[in-house]
Amino acid sequence: MPLHPQAQEFVERYMSDPGPGPAGMDLAGIQEARARDDLAPQRGPLTHLPFVRDESAEDVPIRVYRADRGDGALPVVVFFHGGGWVSGGIKRSDALGRDLAIRTGAVVVSVDYRLAPEHPFPAAADDAWTVVRDIFARPAFYQCDGGVAVMGESSGGNLAAVAAWQARDAGLRLAHQVLIYPALDAAMDSPSHTEFATGFGLDGEEFAWFLGTYAGQADPADPRLSPLRLPSVAGLAPATVVTAEYDVLRDDGERYGARLAEAGVPVETRRFDGAVHGFFGLPGLFDQAVEARDYVADRLREAL
C-alpha cells in the first residue's frame, strides 16, 4: 500500500534534516546526541506503576517494571531497546517499558546494554545474554514464575534473536521471542535494503554506519552479529516477528520468520503496511504503534 499518511508526515517532519547525520559525528557528537531526545513527547506517557526500580544483572544495568501491587511470581519479558547499538537506553525507552508491563501483566526487565563505539561487538550481545542468564539463575530476585520471553526493537531485535539461540544452546527454555523490525544480517543485500535506501527514515547508509560502528572488524557471518547466518534455527523459542513495509530491514525479518517456520518453530510474521522503521516506539505519532503493541502483548500473554 502507499506510505501511511502518518509515516509520510514523520519522514517529512523529523527525517529531512540536511545535517551530517550520525556518520558525520565524532564521539563527542554521538554522546551529545544520546543525551538529546527530540522525540521524547511522542514516546508515550510515563504511566505511574507501583513498582519501578533500577537494579543490575551481574554488572549490567537494568530497570524492572511491574504493573500490579502484588508480590507473587509472574512471567518476565526481557526488553532490548533500539538505537543502532550506538544510542538509546532505559531512560529513552522508559515509557515503552511501563506500557509493556501494563499490557502484558508481566515483569518487564529493560536492559541498558553497553553502546558502541566505546564498547564494540560483542559487548551488547554479551550484556544481553548476561541478563537472560541471570534471570534463569535468580528467578526469585525477579519474582519470575519460570516463564521468560525476550523482546527487542531494531538493534534490540538483533540482541533478542541472539539471546534466543544462546538460550537454546545452553539448555534454557524461553517461552517466546518478539523481534520488532530486527537487524538480522550484516550482508545488507536484501531487496528492501535497495528499495528503501533513501527517503523512508532509516536510510541504508545510516544503517550501514550504525552496523559498522558496532561490528568493527567482526566476521559479518558471525551469528552473534547476523542471526540469519545461524546454521540451524531448529528448536528456537516460538516467535513473533513484526516488520514495517517501508523499511530497509523488512526483508531480513521476514526471511528469518520463514526460516523459523521451515524449521518447525511456531512463528507469526506480521508486516505493518505503509509503516516505516521506528513506528513501534512512537505511539504519539503512529496509530499503528498502538495496534502493534496490542498484537505483541496478546502474543506474549498467550505464550507466557
C-alpha atoms as a PDB file:
ATOM      1  CA  MET A   1       0.000   0.000   0.000  1.00  0.00           C
ATOM      2  CA  PRO A   2       1.156   3.644  -0.238  1.00  0.00           C
ATOM      3  CA  LEU A   3       3.173   5.142   2.573  1.00  0.00           C
ATOM      4  CA  HIS A   4       0.796   5.731   5.505  1.00  0.00           C
ATOM      5  CA  PRO A   5      -0.043   9.458   5.875  1.00  0.00           C
ATOM      6  CA  GLN A   6       1.346   9.442   9.422  1.00  0.00           C
ATOM      7  CA  ALA A   7       4.558   7.841   8.164  1.00  0.00           C
ATOM      8  CA  GLN A   8       4.786  10.435   5.392  1.00  0.00           C
ATOM      9  CA  GLU A   9       4.387  13.246   7.922  1.00  0.00           C
ATOM     10  CA  PHE A  10       7.019  11.650  10.165  1.00  0.00           C
ATOM     11  CA  VAL A  11       9.553  11.375   7.368  1.00  0.00           C
ATOM     12  CA  GLU A  12       8.964  14.950   6.224  1.00  0.00           C
ATOM     13  CA  ARG A  13       8.959  16.459   9.713  1.00  0.00           C
ATOM     14  CA  TYR A  14      11.689  14.540  11.501  1.00  0.00           C
ATOM     15  CA  MET A  15      13.827  12.788   8.914  1.00  0.00           C
ATOM     16  CA  SER A  16      14.556  15.530   6.373  1.00  0.00           C
ATOM     17  CA  ASP A  17      17.358  17.202   8.353  1.00  0.00           C
ATOM     18  CA  PRO A  18      20.097  18.209   5.889  1.00  0.00           C
ATOM     19  CA  GLY A  19      22.768  17.953   8.619  1.00  0.00           C
ATOM     20  CA  PRO A  20      25.649  15.464   8.592  1.00  0.00           C
ATOM     21  CA  GLY A  21      23.739  12.683  10.368  1.00  0.00           C
ATOM     22  CA  PRO A  22      25.369  10.169  12.694  1.00  0.00           C
ATOM     23  CA  ALA A  23      28.054   9.218  10.186  1.00  0.00           C
ATOM     24  CA  GLY A  24      29.395  12.764  10.387  1.00  0.00           C
ATOM     25  CA  MET A  25      29.683  12.800  14.187  1.00  0.00           C
ATOM     26  CA  ASP A  26      32.737  12.309  16.318  1.00  0.00           C
ATOM     27  CA  LEU A  27      32.452  10.610  19.700  1.00  0.00           C
ATOM     28  CA  ALA A  28      31.548  13.865  21.433  1.00  0.00           C
ATOM     29  CA  GLY A  29      28.759  14.419  18.914  1.00  0.00           C
ATOM     30  CA  ILE A  30      27.449  10.896  19.414  1.00  0.00           C
ATOM     31  CA  GLN A  31      27.392  11.375  23.175  1.00  0.00           C
ATOM     32  CA  GLU A  32      25.591  14.700  22.783  1.00  0.00           C
ATOM     33  CA  ALA A  33      23.001  13.094  20.503  1.00  0.00           C
ATOM     34  CA  ARG A  34      22.417  10.340  23.053  1.00  0.00           C
ATOM     35  CA  ALA A  35      21.606  12.922  25.703  1.00  0.00           C
ATOM     36  CA  ARG A  36      19.088  14.675  23.442  1.00  0.00           C
ATOM     37  CA  ASP A  37      15.733  13.115  22.562  1.00  0.00           C
ATOM     38  CA  ASP A  38      13.678  15.296  20.251  1.00  0.00           C
ATOM     39  CA  LEU A  39      11.027  12.596  20.026  1.00  0.00           C
ATOM     40  CA  ALA A  40      10.533  12.173  23.781  1.00  0.00           C
ATOM     41  CA  PRO A  41       6.986  13.652  23.787  1.00  0.00           C
ATOM     42  CA  GLN A  42       5.957  11.125  21.129  1.00  0.00           C
ATOM     43  CA  ARG A  43       7.115   8.039  23.050  1.00  0.00           C
ATOM     44  CA  GLY A  44       4.007   7.930  25.232  1.00  0.00           C
ATOM     45  CA  PRO A  45       3.231   8.883  28.818  1.00  0.00           C
ATOM     46  CA  LEU A  46       5.363   7.825  31.758  1.00  0.00           C
ATOM     47  CA  THR A  47       2.470   5.980  33.336  1.00  0.00           C
ATOM     48  CA  HIS A  48       2.755   5.569  37.098  1.00  0.00           C
ATOM     49  CA  LEU A  49       3.429   1.991  38.163  1.00  0.00           C
ATOM     50  CA  PRO A  50       3.507   0.702  41.745  1.00  0.00           C
ATOM     51  CA  PHE A  51       6.880  -0.958  41.118  1.00  0.00           C
ATOM     52  CA  VAL A  52       9.779   0.509  39.121  1.00  0.00           C
ATOM     53  CA  ARG A  53      13.351   0.055  40.274  1.00  0.00           C
ATOM     54  CA  ASP A  54      16.870   0.185  38.888  1.00  0.00           C
ATOM     55  CA  GLU A  55      18.972  -2.894  39.526  1.00  0.00           C
ATOM     56  CA  SER A  56      21.805  -4.778  37.878  1.00  0.00           C
ATOM     57  CA  ALA A  57      22.238  -8.258  36.457  1.00  0.00           C
ATOM     58  CA  GLU A  58      25.825  -9.000  37.360  1.00  0.00           C
ATOM     59  CA  ASP A  59      27.317  -5.704  36.106  1.00  0.00           C
ATOM     60  CA  VAL A  60      24.652  -4.830  33.509  1.00  0.00           C
ATOM     61  CA  PRO A  61      22.239  -2.019  34.495  1.00  0.00           C
ATOM     62  CA  ILE A  62      18.554  -2.907  34.200  1.00  0.00           C
ATOM     63  CA  ARG A  63      15.222  -1.296  35.049  1.00  0.00           C
ATOM     64  CA  VAL A  64      12.473  -3.564  36.375  1.00  0.00           C
ATOM     65  CA  TYR A  65       8.773  -2.768  35.905  1.00  0.00           C
ATOM     66  CA  ARG A  66       5.740  -4.379  37.483  1.00  0.00           C
ATOM     67  CA  ALA A  67       2.205  -3.074  36.962  1.00  0.00           C
ATOM     68  CA  ASP A  68       0.405  -4.844  39.809  1.00  0.00           C
ATOM     69  CA  ARG A  69       0.710  -4.311  43.557  1.00  0.00           C
ATOM     70  CA  GLY A  70       1.163  -7.971  44.437  1.00  0.00           C
ATOM     71  CA  ASP A  71       4.326  -9.823  45.243  1.00  0.00           C
ATOM     72  CA  GLY A  72       3.567 -13.165  43.622  1.00  0.00           C
ATOM     73  CA  ALA A  73       5.668 -14.666  40.854  1.00  0.00           C
ATOM     74  CA  LEU A  74       4.967 -13.560  37.290  1.00  0.00           C
ATOM     75  CA  PRO A  75       6.411 -14.220  33.836  1.00  0.00           C
ATOM     76  CA  VAL A  76       9.312 -11.997  32.782  1.00  0.00           C
ATOM     77  CA  VAL A  77       9.758 -10.154  29.481  1.00  0.00           C
ATOM     78  CA  VAL A  78      13.337  -9.028  28.837  1.00  0.00           C
ATOM     79  CA  PHE A  79      13.365  -5.942  26.599  1.00  0.00           C
ATOM     80  CA  PHE A  80      16.292  -4.702  24.479  1.00  0.00           C
ATOM     81  CA  HIS A  81      15.962  -1.154  23.130  1.00  0.00           C
ATOM     82  CA  GLY A  82      16.816   0.022  19.635  1.00  0.00           C
ATOM     83  CA  GLY A  83      19.218   2.718  18.540  1.00  0.00           C
ATOM     84  CA  GLY A  84      21.640   1.009  16.189  1.00  0.00           C
ATOM     85  CA  TRP A  85      23.773  -0.378  19.043  1.00  0.00           C
ATOM     86  CA  VAL A  86      25.019   3.236  19.375  1.00  0.00           C
ATOM     87  CA  SER A  87      22.219   5.153  21.113  1.00  0.00           C
ATOM     88  CA  GLY A  88      19.129   4.574  23.212  1.00  0.00           C
ATOM     89  CA  GLY A  89      18.860   3.223  26.725  1.00  0.00           C
ATOM     90  CA  ILE A  90      16.481   2.502  29.585  1.00  0.00           C
ATOM     91  CA  LYS A  91      15.694   6.199  30.025  1.00  0.00           C
ATOM     92  CA  ARG A  92      14.665   6.690  26.408  1.00  0.00           C
ATOM     93  CA  SER A  93      12.579   3.502  26.446  1.00  0.00           C
ATOM     94  CA  ASP A  94      11.056   4.179  29.874  1.00  0.00           C
ATOM     95  CA  ALA A  95       7.556   4.898  28.548  1.00  0.00           C
ATOM     96  CA  LEU A  96       7.605   1.707  26.477  1.00  0.00           C
ATOM     97  CA  GLY A  97       8.791  -0.390  29.423  1.00  0.00           C
ATOM     98  CA  ARG A  98       5.910   0.870  31.530  1.00  0.00           C
ATOM     99  CA  ASP A  99       3.412   0.309  28.745  1.00  0.00           C
ATOM    100  CA  LEU A 100       4.614  -3.255  28.146  1.00  0.00           C
ATOM    101  CA  ALA A 101       4.263  -4.079  31.844  1.00  0.00           C
ATOM    102  CA  ILE A 102       0.661  -2.886  31.780  1.00  0.00           C
ATOM    103  CA  ARG A 103      -0.264  -4.591  28.510  1.00  0.00           C
ATOM    104  CA  THR A 104       1.380  -7.951  29.246  1.00  0.00           C
ATOM    105  CA  GLY A 105       0.871  -8.224  33.002  1.00  0.00           C
ATOM    106  CA  ALA A 106       4.447  -9.491  33.195  1.00  0.00           C
ATOM    107  CA  VAL A 107       7.544  -8.231  34.951  1.00  0.00           C
ATOM    108  CA  VAL A 108       9.435  -6.242  32.304  1.00  0.00           C
ATOM    109  CA  VAL A 109      13.223  -6.063  32.549  1.00  0.00           C
ATOM    110  CA  SER A 110      14.662  -3.316  30.338  1.00  0.00           C
ATOM    111  CA  VAL A 111      18.371  -3.725  29.611  1.00  0.00           C
ATOM    112  CA  ASP A 112      20.878  -0.845  29.479  1.00  0.00           C
ATOM    113  CA  TYR A 113      23.476  -2.699  27.436  1.00  0.00           C
ATOM    114  CA  ARG A 114      26.812  -1.129  26.534  1.00  0.00           C
ATOM    115  CA  LEU A 115      26.936   1.014  23.394  1.00  0.00           C
ATOM    116  CA  ALA A 116      29.367   1.406  20.516  1.00  0.00           C
ATOM    117  CA  PRO A 117      31.761   2.907  19.577  1.00  0.00           C
ATOM    118  CA  GLU A 118      33.076   2.864  23.146  1.00  0.00           C
ATOM    119  CA  HIS A 119      32.025  -0.771  23.501  1.00  0.00           C
ATOM    120  CA  PRO A 120      32.004  -2.518  20.105  1.00  0.00           C
ATOM    121  CA  PHE A 121      30.778  -6.006  19.226  1.00  0.00           C
ATOM    122  CA  PRO A 122      30.202  -8.295  21.017  1.00  0.00           C
ATOM    123  CA  ALA A 123      29.688  -6.109  24.109  1.00  0.00           C
ATOM    124  CA  ALA A 124      25.954  -5.530  23.569  1.00  0.00           C
ATOM    125  CA  ALA A 125      25.304  -9.201  22.790  1.00  0.00           C
ATOM    126  CA  ASP A 126      27.309 -10.250  25.835  1.00  0.00           C
ATOM    127  CA  ASP A 127      25.283  -7.921  28.076  1.00  0.00           C
ATOM    128  CA  ALA A 128      22.003  -9.191  26.646  1.00  0.00           C
ATOM    129  CA  TRP A 129      22.987 -12.786  27.324  1.00  0.00           C
ATOM    130  CA  THR A 130      24.190 -11.898  30.825  1.00  0.00           C
ATOM    131  CA  VAL A 131      20.755 -10.571  31.752  1.00  0.00           C
ATOM    132  CA  VAL A 132      18.860 -13.538  30.312  1.00  0.00           C
ATOM    133  CA  ARG A 133      21.168 -15.960  32.044  1.00  0.00           C
ATOM    134  CA  ASP A 134      20.821 -14.073  35.336  1.00  0.00           C
ATOM    135  CA  ILE A 135      17.024 -14.298  35.250  1.00  0.00           C
ATOM    136  CA  PHE A 136      17.221 -18.063  34.932  1.00  0.00           C
ATOM    137  CA  ALA A 137      19.853 -18.193  37.683  1.00  0.00           C
ATOM    138  CA  ARG A 138      17.970 -15.931  40.127  1.00  0.00           C
ATOM    139  CA  PRO A 139      14.239 -16.258  39.416  1.00  0.00           C
ATOM    140  CA  ALA A 140      13.241 -15.250  42.954  1.00  0.00           C
ATOM    141  CA  PHE A 141      15.087 -11.930  42.632  1.00  0.00           C
ATOM    142  CA  TYR A 142      12.994 -11.102  39.571  1.00  0.00           C
ATOM    143  CA  GLN A 143       9.781 -12.600  41.046  1.00  0.00           C
ATOM    144  CA  CYS A 144       9.797 -14.865  37.993  1.00  0.00           C
ATOM    145  CA  ASP A 145       7.415 -17.802  37.772  1.00  0.00           C
ATOM    146  CA  GLY A 146       9.627 -19.593  35.257  1.00  0.00           C
ATOM    147  CA  GLY A 147       8.185 -18.078  32.082  1.00  0.00           C
ATOM    148  CA  VAL A 148      10.770 -15.929  30.298  1.00  0.00           C
ATOM    149  CA  ALA A 149      10.467 -14.168  26.941  1.00  0.00           C
ATOM    150  CA  VAL A 150      12.882 -11.898  25.098  1.00  0.00           C
ATOM    151  CA  MET A 151      11.842  -8.899  23.045  1.00  0.00           C
ATOM    152  CA  GLY A 152      13.768  -6.303  21.099  1.00  0.00           C
ATOM    153  CA  GLU A 153      13.306  -3.442  18.678  1.00  0.00           C
ATOM    154  CA  SER A 154      15.645  -2.917  15.688  1.00  0.00           C
ATOM    155  CA  SER A 155      19.194  -3.453  17.007  1.00  0.00           C
ATOM    156  CA  GLY A 156      17.492  -4.725  20.165  1.00  0.00           C
ATOM    157  CA  GLY A 157      15.707  -7.247  17.964  1.00  0.00           C
ATOM    158  CA  ASN A 158      19.131  -8.453  16.898  1.00  0.00           C
ATOM    159  CA  LEU A 159      20.099  -8.895  20.558  1.00  0.00           C
ATOM    160  CA  ALA A 160      16.848 -10.712  21.354  1.00  0.00           C
ATOM    161  CA  ALA A 161      17.373 -13.117  18.450  1.00  0.00           C
ATOM    162  CA  VAL A 162      20.962 -13.768  19.529  1.00  0.00           C
ATOM    163  CA  ALA A 163      19.938 -14.342  23.153  1.00  0.00           C
ATOM    164  CA  ALA A 164      17.244 -16.752  21.955  1.00  0.00           C
ATOM    165  CA  TRP A 165      19.709 -19.057  20.193  1.00  0.00           C
ATOM    166  CA  GLN A 166      22.199 -18.780  23.042  1.00  0.00           C
ATOM    167  CA  ALA A 167      19.453 -19.854  25.457  1.00  0.00           C
ATOM    168  CA  ARG A 168      18.623 -22.817  23.228  1.00  0.00           C
ATOM    169  CA  ASP A 169      22.257 -23.870  23.092  1.00  0.00           C
ATOM    170  CA  ALA A 170      22.590 -23.512  26.882  1.00  0.00           C
ATOM    171  CA  GLY A 171      19.508 -25.644  27.538  1.00  0.00           C
ATOM    172  CA  LEU A 172      17.446 -22.732  28.898  1.00  0.00           C
ATOM    173  CA  ARG A 173      13.849 -22.758  27.727  1.00  0.00           C
ATOM    174  CA  LEU A 174      12.467 -19.430  26.567  1.00  0.00           C
ATOM    175  CA  ALA A 175       8.718 -19.181  26.224  1.00  0.00           C
ATOM    176  CA  HIS A 176       8.823 -16.699  23.338  1.00  0.00           C
ATOM    177  CA  GLN A 177      10.874 -14.221  21.343  1.00  0.00           C
ATOM    178  CA  VAL A 178       9.463 -10.999  19.887  1.00  0.00           C
ATOM    179  CA  LEU A 179      11.518  -9.345  17.158  1.00  0.00           C
ATOM    180  CA  ILE A 180      10.379  -5.850  16.127  1.00  0.00           C
ATOM    181  CA  TYR A 181      11.817  -4.903  12.699  1.00  0.00           C
ATOM    182  CA  PRO A 182      15.019  -6.664  13.758  1.00  0.00           C
ATOM    183  CA  ALA A 183      18.508  -6.181  12.302  1.00  0.00           C
ATOM    184  CA  LEU A 184      19.499  -9.744  11.448  1.00  0.00           C
ATOM    185  CA  ASP A 185      22.052  -9.789   8.644  1.00  0.00           C
ATOM    186  CA  ALA A 186      25.249  -7.775   8.223  1.00  0.00           C
ATOM    187  CA  ALA A 187      25.250  -8.539   4.494  1.00  0.00           C
ATOM    188  CA  MET A 188      22.636  -5.818   3.845  1.00  0.00           C
ATOM    189  CA  ASP A 189      21.867  -7.398   0.480  1.00  0.00           C
ATOM    190  CA  SER A 190      18.113  -7.994   0.609  1.00  0.00           C
ATOM    191  CA  PRO A 191      15.827  -6.179  -1.873  1.00  0.00           C
ATOM    192  CA  SER A 192      14.388  -3.927   0.837  1.00  0.00           C
ATOM    193  CA  HIS A 193      17.873  -2.553   1.533  1.00  0.00           C
ATOM    194  CA  THR A 194      17.908  -1.270  -2.043  1.00  0.00           C
ATOM    195  CA  GLU A 195      14.255  -0.332  -2.421  1.00  0.00           C
ATOM    196  CA  PHE A 196      14.053   1.795   0.738  1.00  0.00           C
ATOM    197  CA  ALA A 197      17.660   3.012   0.913  1.00  0.00           C
ATOM    198  CA  THR A 198      16.676   6.684   0.953  1.00  0.00           C
ATOM    199  CA  GLY A 199      13.659   8.725   1.922  1.00  0.00           C
ATOM    200  CA  PHE A 200      11.954   6.459   4.436  1.00  0.00           C
ATOM    201  CA  GLY A 201      13.509   7.366   7.773  1.00  0.00           C
ATOM    202  CA  LEU A 202      16.267   4.825   8.335  1.00  0.00           C
ATOM    203  CA  ASP A 203      18.470   5.279   5.273  1.00  0.00           C
ATOM    204  CA  GLY A 204      20.663   2.464   4.040  1.00  0.00           C
ATOM    205  CA  GLU A 205      23.882   4.441   4.510  1.00  0.00           C
ATOM    206  CA  GLU A 206      22.817   5.378   8.029  1.00  0.00           C
ATOM    207  CA  PHE A 207      22.140   1.764   8.943  1.00  0.00           C
ATOM    208  CA  ALA A 208      25.479   0.714   7.426  1.00  0.00           C
ATOM    209  CA  TRP A 209      27.212   3.271   9.643  1.00  0.00           C
ATOM    210  CA  PHE A 210      25.422   2.023  12.766  1.00  0.00           C
ATOM    211  CA  LEU A 211      26.277  -1.567  11.915  1.00  0.00           C
ATOM    212  CA  GLY A 212      29.883  -0.781  11.096  1.00  0.00           C
ATOM    213  CA  THR A 213      30.318   1.250  14.275  1.00  0.00           C
ATOM    214  CA  TYR A 214      29.128  -1.721  16.325  1.00  0.00           C
ATOM    215  CA  ALA A 215      30.659  -4.559  14.294  1.00  0.00           C
ATOM    216  CA  GLY A 216      34.119  -3.141  13.668  1.00  0.00           C
ATOM    217  CA  GLN A 217      36.266  -5.879  12.145  1.00  0.00           C
ATOM    218  CA  ALA A 218      33.980  -8.740  13.223  1.00  0.00           C
ATOM    219  CA  ASP A 219      33.128 -11.504  10.794  1.00  0.00           C
ATOM    220  CA  PRO A 220      29.804 -10.427   9.239  1.00  0.00           C
ATOM    221  CA  ALA A 221      28.723 -14.077   9.194  1.00  0.00           C
ATOM    222  CA  ASP A 222      29.128 -14.440  12.969  1.00  0.00           C
ATOM    223  CA  PRO A 223      25.627 -15.426  14.151  1.00  0.00           C
ATOM    224  CA  ARG A 224      26.058 -13.141  17.179  1.00  0.00           C
ATOM    225  CA  LEU A 225      26.017 -10.347  14.610  1.00  0.00           C
ATOM    226  CA  SER A 226      23.904 -11.958  11.868  1.00  0.00           C
ATOM    227  CA  PRO A 227      21.364 -14.412  13.311  1.00  0.00           C
ATOM    228  CA  LEU A 228      20.187 -15.129   9.759  1.00  0.00           C
ATOM    229  CA  ARG A 229      23.544 -16.897   9.306  1.00  0.00           C
ATOM    230  CA  LEU A 230      22.896 -19.280  12.200  1.00  0.00           C
ATOM    231  CA  PRO A 231      23.493 -22.784  10.830  1.00  0.00           C
ATOM    232  CA  SER A 232      20.289 -24.155  12.364  1.00  0.00           C
ATOM    233  CA  VAL A 233      17.257 -22.413  13.832  1.00  0.00           C
ATOM    234  CA  ALA A 234      15.577 -25.662  14.844  1.00  0.00           C
ATOM    235  CA  GLY A 235      14.485 -25.734  18.462  1.00  0.00           C
ATOM    236  CA  LEU A 236      14.438 -21.988  18.941  1.00  0.00           C
ATOM    237  CA  ALA A 237      11.724 -20.388  21.051  1.00  0.00           C
ATOM    238  CA  PRO A 238       8.375 -19.689  19.382  1.00  0.00           C
ATOM    239  CA  ALA A 239       8.471 -16.278  17.766  1.00  0.00           C
ATOM    240  CA  THR A 240       6.598 -13.176  16.741  1.00  0.00           C
ATOM    241  CA  VAL A 241       8.256 -11.077  14.044  1.00  0.00           C
ATOM    242  CA  VAL A 242       6.954  -7.580  13.283  1.00  0.00           C
ATOM    243  CA  THR A 243       8.114  -5.732  10.176  1.00  0.00           C
ATOM    244  CA  ALA A 244       7.383  -2.364   8.574  1.00  0.00           C
ATOM    245  CA  GLU A 245       6.619  -2.224   4.859  1.00  0.00           C
ATOM    246  CA  TYR A 246       8.877   0.763   4.068  1.00  0.00           C
ATOM    247  CA  ASP A 247      11.968  -0.342   5.981  1.00  0.00           C
ATOM    248  CA  VAL A 248      15.423  -1.424   4.851  1.00  0.00           C
ATOM    249  CA  LEU A 249      15.269  -4.204   7.468  1.00  0.00           C
ATOM    250  CA  ARG A 250      11.901  -5.582   6.345  1.00  0.00           C
ATOM    251  CA  ASP A 251      13.113  -8.494   4.216  1.00  0.00           C
ATOM    252  CA  ASP A 252      15.629  -9.740   6.759  1.00  0.00           C
ATOM    253  CA  GLY A 253      12.943 -10.028   9.423  1.00  0.00           C
ATOM    254  CA  GLU A 254      10.588 -11.802   7.051  1.00  0.00           C
ATOM    255  CA  ARG A 255      13.313 -14.145   5.821  1.00  0.00           C
ATOM    256  CA  TYR A 256      14.055 -15.063   9.425  1.00  0.00           C
ATOM    257  CA  GLY A 257      10.391 -15.752  10.084  1.00  0.00           C
ATOM    258  CA  ALA A 258      10.317 -18.006   7.033  1.00  0.00           C
ATOM    259  CA  ARG A 259      13.426 -19.879   8.224  1.00  0.00           C
ATOM    260  CA  LEU A 260      11.846 -20.455  11.620  1.00  0.00           C
ATOM    261  CA  ALA A 261       8.657 -21.783  10.034  1.00  0.00           C
ATOM    262  CA  GLU A 262      10.593 -24.107   7.732  1.00  0.00           C
ATOM    263  CA  ALA A 263      12.418 -25.498  10.782  1.00  0.00           C
ATOM    264  CA  GLY A 264       9.156 -26.218  12.577  1.00  0.00           C
ATOM    265  CA  VAL A 265       9.370 -23.320  15.028  1.00  0.00           C
ATOM    266  CA  PRO A 266       5.931 -21.821  15.778  1.00  0.00           C
ATOM    267  CA  VAL A 267       6.078 -18.277  14.388  1.00  0.00           C
ATOM    268  CA  GLU A 268       3.847 -15.450  13.258  1.00  0.00           C
ATOM    269  CA  THR A 269       5.305 -12.777  10.991  1.00  0.00           C
ATOM    270  CA  ARG A 270       3.211  -9.660  10.587  1.00  0.00           C
ATOM    271  CA  ARG A 271       4.004  -6.785   8.263  1.00  0.00           C
ATOM    272  CA  PHE A 272       2.500  -3.389   9.068  1.00  0.00           C
ATOM    273  CA  ASP A 273       1.557  -1.929   5.707  1.00  0.00           C
ATOM    274  CA  GLY A 274       2.571   1.636   4.951  1.00  0.00           C
ATOM    275  CA  ALA A 275       4.742   1.824   8.079  1.00  0.00           C
ATOM    276  CA  VAL A 276       8.348   2.959   8.459  1.00  0.00           C
ATOM    277  CA  HIS A 277      11.145   1.870  10.765  1.00  0.00           C
ATOM    278  CA  GLY A 278      10.711   3.041  14.350  1.00  0.00           C
ATOM    279  CA  PHE A 279       6.928   3.290  14.417  1.00  0.00           C
ATOM    280  CA  PHE A 280       6.512   0.845  17.326  1.00  0.00           C
ATOM    281  CA  GLY A 281       8.207   3.171  19.801  1.00  0.00           C
ATOM    282  CA  LEU A 282       6.253   6.311  18.871  1.00  0.00           C
ATOM    283  CA  PRO A 283       2.563   5.997  19.799  1.00  0.00           C
ATOM    284  CA  GLY A 284       2.291   9.786  19.816  1.00  0.00           C
ATOM    285  CA  LEU A 285       2.867   9.775  16.052  1.00  0.00           C
ATOM    286  CA  PHE A 286       1.603   6.427  14.805  1.00  0.00           C
ATOM    287  CA  ASP A 287      -1.767   4.799  15.388  1.00  0.00           C
ATOM    288  CA  GLN A 288      -0.124   1.587  14.178  1.00  0.00           C
ATOM    289  CA  ALA A 289       2.147   1.662  17.245  1.00  0.00           C
ATOM    290  CA  VAL A 290      -0.841   1.010  19.484  1.00  0.00           C
ATOM    291  CA  GLU A 291      -2.128  -1.684  17.138  1.00  0.00           C
ATOM    292  CA  ALA A 292       1.280  -3.371  17.079  1.00  0.00           C
ATOM    293  CA  ARG A 293       1.652  -3.202  20.856  1.00  0.00           C
ATOM    294  CA  ASP A 294      -1.779  -4.781  21.350  1.00  0.00           C
ATOM    295  CA  TYR A 295      -0.799  -7.536  18.937  1.00  0.00           C
ATOM    296  CA  VAL A 296       2.560  -8.193  20.596  1.00  0.00           C
ATOM    297  CA  ALA A 297       1.038  -8.141  24.092  1.00  0.00           C
ATOM    298  CA  ASP A 298      -1.606 -10.663  23.033  1.00  0.00           C
ATOM    299  CA  ARG A 299       1.120 -12.924  21.652  1.00  0.00           C
ATOM    300  CA  LEU A 300       3.181 -12.639  24.814  1.00  0.00           C
ATOM    301  CA  ARG A 301       0.252 -13.270  27.173  1.00  0.00           C
ATOM    302  CA  GLU A 302      -0.671 -16.363  25.188  1.00  0.00           C
ATOM    303  CA  ALA A 303       2.910 -17.651  25.255  1.00  0.00           C
ATOM    304  CA  LEU A 304       3.537 -16.886  28.915  1.00  0.00           C
END
